[in-house]
Amino acid sequence: MPPGRLWLIPTPLGAGSDPQRVLPADTLAAVEPLDYFVVESARSARAFLKSAGTRAPLQALELRELNEHTPAREIPLLLAPILAGRDCGLLSEAGVPAVADPGAALVAAAHAAGIEVRPLIGPSSLLLALMGSGLNGQRFAFAGYVPAQAAPRLERLRELERRSAREDETILLIETPYRNQALLDAALQALAPSTRLMVASALSLPAQRIVVDTVAGWRGAARELPKTPAVFGFQAEAARPAQRSAASPARGARRRVTGR
């Protein structure tokens, strides 16, 4: 029997958001016949599947968890039903699976096993934030989380700002909601006054808020961030050509390294 397919199914970005409103009909149609799902959280997956609708009763669905605590040795066990011919839906707790999400391990294993991977259309907080920011959408990098400790966090933010200036690119970050304010405070301390800084929270939800200003502007306004999922982004002033050259290896040095 040929293997099944791995469907990458986006979910809404917050509780109470109706899948019928935020997901295309083709995505919902792909969910309906599935009865095997690998999910980040069984509880949130059941709530989503109840709203999205499945052909099989909810209690008949097989849900297996894959999260940050799942040991790598369990990935083959999650893959086994697909290799036996069953289609599988991969669900993140919110947004698109396998992006800033432990589901990437299952996708990598599926490719290695020759399983067809089918990504579906749905909300991505990173892309929605970038779209709504006005920052550089031609060149951007997702840097994930910065360190939680104060000194390493400041150092990492300054390092990323130098990269943004050198490459003329937007840097995107995420943080645990209860540390949103700490990350904002650190960014206002670490970044240059002219750097543009964005905070986008509750994207696609009724409480959505996208605020973009220079660091100087942020410093001049007392803003408290909600403890809700948020995306942070910033873009430094592009470095002048002379500055970029100084930050890059000399042309002859590059040739010598290549020659090795």
Protein backbone atom coordinates (compact mmCIF):
# COMPACT_ATOMS: atom_id res chain seq x y z
CA MET A 1 0.00 0.00 0.00
CA PRO A 2 1.39 3.45 -0.88
CA PRO A 3 1.94 5.87 2.01
CA GLY A 4 -0.63 8.49 2.93
CA ARG A 5 -0.07 12.22 2.70
CA LEU A 6 0.87 14.73 5.38
CA TRP A 7 -1.46 17.74 5.29
CA LEU A 8 -0.16 20.91 6.99
CA ILE A 9 -3.31 22.55 8.35
CA PRO A 10 -3.27 26.16 9.61
CA THR A 11 -5.48 27.06 12.56
CA PRO A 12 -6.89 30.40 13.78
CA LEU A 13 -4.56 32.66 15.77
CA GLY A 14 -6.70 32.87 18.89
CA ALA A 15 -9.48 31.26 20.89
CA GLY A 16 -12.93 32.14 19.70
CA SER A 17 -11.86 32.79 16.11
CA ASP A 18 -14.15 30.92 13.72
CA PRO A 19 -12.27 28.62 11.32
CA GLN A 20 -15.06 29.09 8.80
CA ARG A 21 -14.20 32.80 8.71
CA VAL A 22 -10.39 32.68 8.54
CA LEU A 23 -9.71 29.51 6.54
CA PRO A 24 -10.41 29.01 2.81
CA ALA A 25 -13.00 26.46 1.74
CA ASP A 26 -10.31 24.24 0.19
CA THR A 27 -8.46 24.04 3.52
CA LEU A 28 -11.63 23.12 5.40
CA ALA A 29 -12.46 20.54 2.73
CA ALA A 30 -9.05 18.89 3.19
CA VAL A 31 -9.65 18.61 6.96
CA GLU A 32 -13.08 16.94 6.68
CA PRO A 33 -12.10 13.38 5.65
CA LEU A 34 -9.11 13.03 8.00
CA ASP A 35 -9.27 10.88 11.11
CA TYR A 36 -5.60 10.94 12.15
CA PHE A 37 -3.93 14.12 13.41
CA VAL A 38 -0.58 15.02 14.92
CA VAL A 39 -1.14 18.08 17.08
CA GLU A 40 0.77 20.42 19.35
CA SER A 41 -2.05 20.41 21.93
CA ALA A 42 -4.88 17.84 21.97
CA ARG A 43 -7.17 20.22 23.84
CA SER A 44 -6.90 23.11 21.37
CA ALA A 45 -6.95 20.67 18.43
CA ARG A 46 -10.29 19.22 19.54
CA ALA A 47 -11.79 22.70 19.82
CA PHE A 48 -10.54 23.56 16.33
CA LEU A 49 -11.73 20.31 14.75
CA LYS A 50 -15.16 20.66 16.33
CA SER A 51 -15.53 24.08 14.69
CA ALA A 52 -13.88 23.14 11.40
CA GLY A 53 -15.90 19.96 10.99
CA THR A 54 -14.76 16.40 10.33
CA ARG A 55 -16.58 13.49 8.74
CA ALA A 56 -15.77 11.15 11.63
CA PRO A 57 -17.20 11.93 15.10
CA LEU A 58 -14.80 13.85 17.31
CA GLN A 59 -14.43 10.95 19.74
CA ALA A 60 -13.42 8.64 16.86
CA LEU A 61 -10.47 10.80 15.78
CA GLU A 62 -6.94 9.71 16.62
CA LEU A 63 -4.90 12.62 18.00
CA ARG A 64 -1.24 12.25 18.91
CA GLU A 65 0.75 15.11 20.42
CA LEU A 66 4.02 16.50 19.07
CA ASN A 67 5.32 19.42 21.10
CA GLU A 68 8.56 20.79 22.54
CA HIS A 69 8.64 17.94 25.08
CA THR A 70 8.34 15.13 22.52
CA PRO A 71 11.56 13.10 22.29
CA ALA A 72 13.01 12.64 18.81
CA ARG A 73 12.70 8.86 19.10
CA GLU A 74 8.88 9.18 18.95
CA ILE A 75 8.82 10.80 15.49
CA PRO A 76 8.92 7.41 13.67
CA LEU A 77 5.90 6.29 15.74
CA LEU A 78 3.95 9.35 14.60
CA LEU A 79 4.98 8.65 11.01
CA ALA A 80 4.06 4.96 11.06
CA PRO A 81 0.31 5.36 10.32
CA ILE A 82 1.14 7.54 7.30
CA LEU A 83 3.57 4.94 5.99
CA ALA A 84 0.76 2.39 6.46
CA GLY A 85 -1.44 4.39 4.09
CA ARG A 86 -3.37 6.85 6.29
CA ASP A 87 -3.49 10.56 5.53
CA CYS A 88 -2.53 12.77 8.47
CA GLY A 89 -3.25 16.36 9.42
CA LEU A 90 -0.52 18.30 11.25
CA LEU A 91 -1.86 21.05 13.53
CA SER A 92 -0.05 23.79 15.42
CA GLU A 93 -1.70 25.30 18.47
CA ALA A 94 -2.16 28.50 16.47
CA GLY A 95 -1.27 29.58 12.95
CA VAL A 96 0.64 27.59 10.38
CA PRO A 97 2.32 24.33 11.43
CA ALA A 98 6.07 23.75 11.21
CA VAL A 99 6.97 27.48 11.33
CA ALA A 100 8.33 28.38 14.77
CA ASP A 101 6.63 25.12 15.69
CA PRO A 102 7.82 21.61 16.68
CA GLY A 103 5.87 20.10 13.78
CA ALA A 104 8.86 20.82 11.53
CA ALA A 105 10.46 17.61 12.83
CA LEU A 106 7.58 15.53 11.44
CA VAL A 107 7.71 17.34 8.09
CA ALA A 108 11.45 16.64 7.80
CA ALA A 109 10.90 12.98 8.63
CA ALA A 110 8.08 12.77 6.07
CA HIS A 111 10.33 14.10 3.31
CA ALA A 112 13.07 11.65 4.28
CA ALA A 113 10.53 8.79 4.06
CA GLY A 114 9.24 9.87 0.64
CA ILE A 115 5.83 10.98 1.98
CA GLU A 116 3.98 13.68 0.05
CA VAL A 117 3.68 16.91 2.09
CA ARG A 118 0.73 19.20 1.30
CA PRO A 119 0.81 22.68 2.92
CA LEU A 120 -2.56 24.43 3.07
CA ILE A 121 -3.49 28.12 3.14
CA GLY A 122 -4.26 29.90 6.40
CA PRO A 123 -3.18 32.66 8.78
CA SER A 124 0.50 33.16 9.63
CA SER A 125 1.18 35.71 12.37
CA LEU A 126 4.67 36.38 11.00
CA LEU A 127 3.48 37.23 7.50
CA LEU A 128 0.44 39.17 8.72
CA ALA A 129 2.71 41.27 10.96
CA LEU A 130 5.18 41.89 8.15
CA MET A 131 2.37 42.81 5.75
CA GLY A 132 0.94 45.31 8.23
CA SER A 133 4.24 46.85 9.30
CA GLY A 134 5.47 48.80 6.29
CA LEU A 135 8.95 47.45 7.03
CA ASN A 136 11.06 45.88 4.30
CA GLY A 137 9.09 42.96 2.87
CA GLN A 138 11.69 42.23 0.18
CA ARG A 139 14.38 41.19 2.67
CA PHE A 140 13.47 39.85 6.09
CA ALA A 141 14.66 37.31 8.65
CA PHE A 142 12.86 35.49 11.46
CA ALA A 143 15.17 35.36 14.47
CA GLY A 144 12.81 33.52 16.83
CA TYR A 145 13.28 34.22 20.52
CA VAL A 146 15.99 36.38 22.05
CA PRO A 147 17.56 35.34 25.41
CA ALA A 148 15.43 35.88 28.50
CA GLN A 149 18.37 37.12 30.57
CA ALA A 150 18.85 40.89 30.46
CA ALA A 151 22.50 41.23 29.36
CA PRO A 152 22.46 38.53 26.63
CA ARG A 153 19.13 39.90 25.39
CA LEU A 154 20.56 43.38 24.89
CA GLU A 155 23.62 41.96 23.18
CA ARG A 156 21.49 39.85 20.82
CA LEU A 157 19.22 42.78 19.92
CA ARG A 158 22.25 44.95 19.07
CA GLU A 159 23.72 42.15 16.99
CA LEU A 160 20.45 41.78 15.06
CA GLU A 161 20.23 45.54 14.57
CA ARG A 162 23.71 45.57 13.03
CA ARG A 163 22.61 42.78 10.70
CA SER A 164 19.46 44.71 9.75
CA ALA A 165 21.54 47.79 8.87
CA ARG A 166 24.17 45.80 6.99
CA GLU A 167 21.70 43.69 4.97
CA ASP A 168 18.91 46.30 4.75
CA GLU A 169 16.44 43.73 6.07
CA THR A 170 13.59 43.48 8.55
CA ILE A 171 14.14 41.35 11.66
CA LEU A 172 11.11 39.52 13.11
CA LEU A 173 10.97 38.17 16.68
CA ILE A 174 8.45 36.45 18.94
CA GLU A 175 8.24 36.22 22.71
CA THR A 176 6.25 34.45 25.41
CA PRO A 177 3.27 36.77 26.04
CA TYR A 178 4.11 37.46 29.69
CA ARG A 179 7.55 38.74 28.59
CA ASN A 180 6.22 41.10 25.89
CA GLN A 181 6.83 44.20 27.99
CA ALA A 182 10.33 43.07 28.96
CA LEU A 183 11.24 42.59 25.29
CA LEU A 184 9.85 46.00 24.36
CA ASP A 185 11.77 47.66 27.21
CA ALA A 186 14.97 45.89 26.13
CA ALA A 187 14.47 46.93 22.50
CA LEU A 188 14.02 50.56 23.52
CA GLN A 189 17.26 50.35 25.48
CA ALA A 190 19.30 48.48 22.87
CA LEU A 191 18.22 49.89 19.52
CA ALA A 192 19.15 53.19 17.86
CA PRO A 193 16.61 56.05 18.02
CA SER A 194 16.12 56.00 14.22
CA THR A 195 15.38 52.25 14.01
CA ARG A 196 11.75 51.53 13.17
CA LEU A 197 10.09 49.17 15.62
CA MET A 198 6.81 47.26 15.22
CA VAL A 199 4.69 45.36 17.73
CA ALA A 200 1.72 43.43 16.30
CA SER A 201 -0.61 41.60 18.68
CA ALA A 202 -3.87 39.64 18.46
CA LEU A 203 -3.56 39.48 14.68
CA SER A 204 -6.78 38.63 12.79
CA LEU A 205 -8.71 38.89 16.09
CA PRO A 206 -11.08 41.66 17.24
CA ALA A 207 -8.40 43.13 19.56
CA GLN A 208 -5.79 43.30 16.79
CA ARG A 209 -3.23 46.08 17.24
CA ILE A 210 -0.24 46.95 15.03
CA VAL A 211 1.94 49.82 16.24
CA VAL A 212 4.96 51.02 14.22
CA ASP A 213 7.18 53.94 15.21
CA THR A 214 10.84 54.86 15.49
CA VAL A 215 12.52 53.82 18.71
CA ALA A 216 12.66 57.52 19.60
CA GLY A 217 8.90 57.72 19.11
CA TRP A 218 8.32 54.63 21.24
CA ARG A 219 10.48 56.10 23.99
CA GLY A 220 8.44 59.28 23.99
CA ALA A 221 5.12 57.49 24.54
CA ALA A 222 4.35 55.33 27.57
CA ARG A 223 2.95 52.15 26.02
CA GLU A 224 2.06 48.99 27.91
CA LEU A 225 1.78 45.81 25.90
CA PRO A 226 -0.97 43.24 26.42
CA LYS A 227 0.00 39.74 27.54
CA THR A 228 -1.21 38.23 24.27
CA PRO A 229 0.74 36.56 21.44
CA ALA A 230 2.69 39.22 19.59
CA VAL A 231 5.21 39.60 16.78
CA PHE A 232 8.01 42.14 17.11
CA GLY A 233 9.86 43.55 14.12
CA PHE A 234 12.44 46.22 13.47
CA GLN A 235 14.41 47.72 10.62
CA ALA A 236 17.55 49.76 11.16
CA GLU A 237 18.71 52.52 8.86
CA ALA A 238 20.62 50.88 6.02
CA ALA A 239 24.41 51.09 6.39
CA ARG A 240 26.25 53.30 3.91
CA PRO A 241 28.33 51.46 1.29
CA ALA A 242 31.56 52.32 3.12
CA GLN A 243 30.15 50.89 6.35
CA ARG A 244 29.06 47.69 4.58
CA SER A 245 32.53 47.31 3.05
CA ALA A 246 34.19 47.76 6.42
CA ALA A 247 31.93 45.07 7.92
CA SER A 248 32.69 42.58 5.10
CA PRO A 249 35.92 40.62 4.49
CA ALA A 250 38.34 42.10 1.97
CA ARG A 251 37.95 40.76 -1.56
CA GLY A 252 41.38 39.15 -1.49
CA ALA A 253 40.61 37.50 1.83
CA ARG A 254 37.48 35.95 0.35
CA ARG A 255 39.51 34.53 -2.52
CA ARG A 256 42.03 33.01 -0.14
CA VAL A 257 39.31 31.36 1.94
CA THR A 258 37.64 30.02 -1.21
CA GLY A 259 40.99 28.72 -2.42
CA ARG A 260 41.29 26.43 0.59
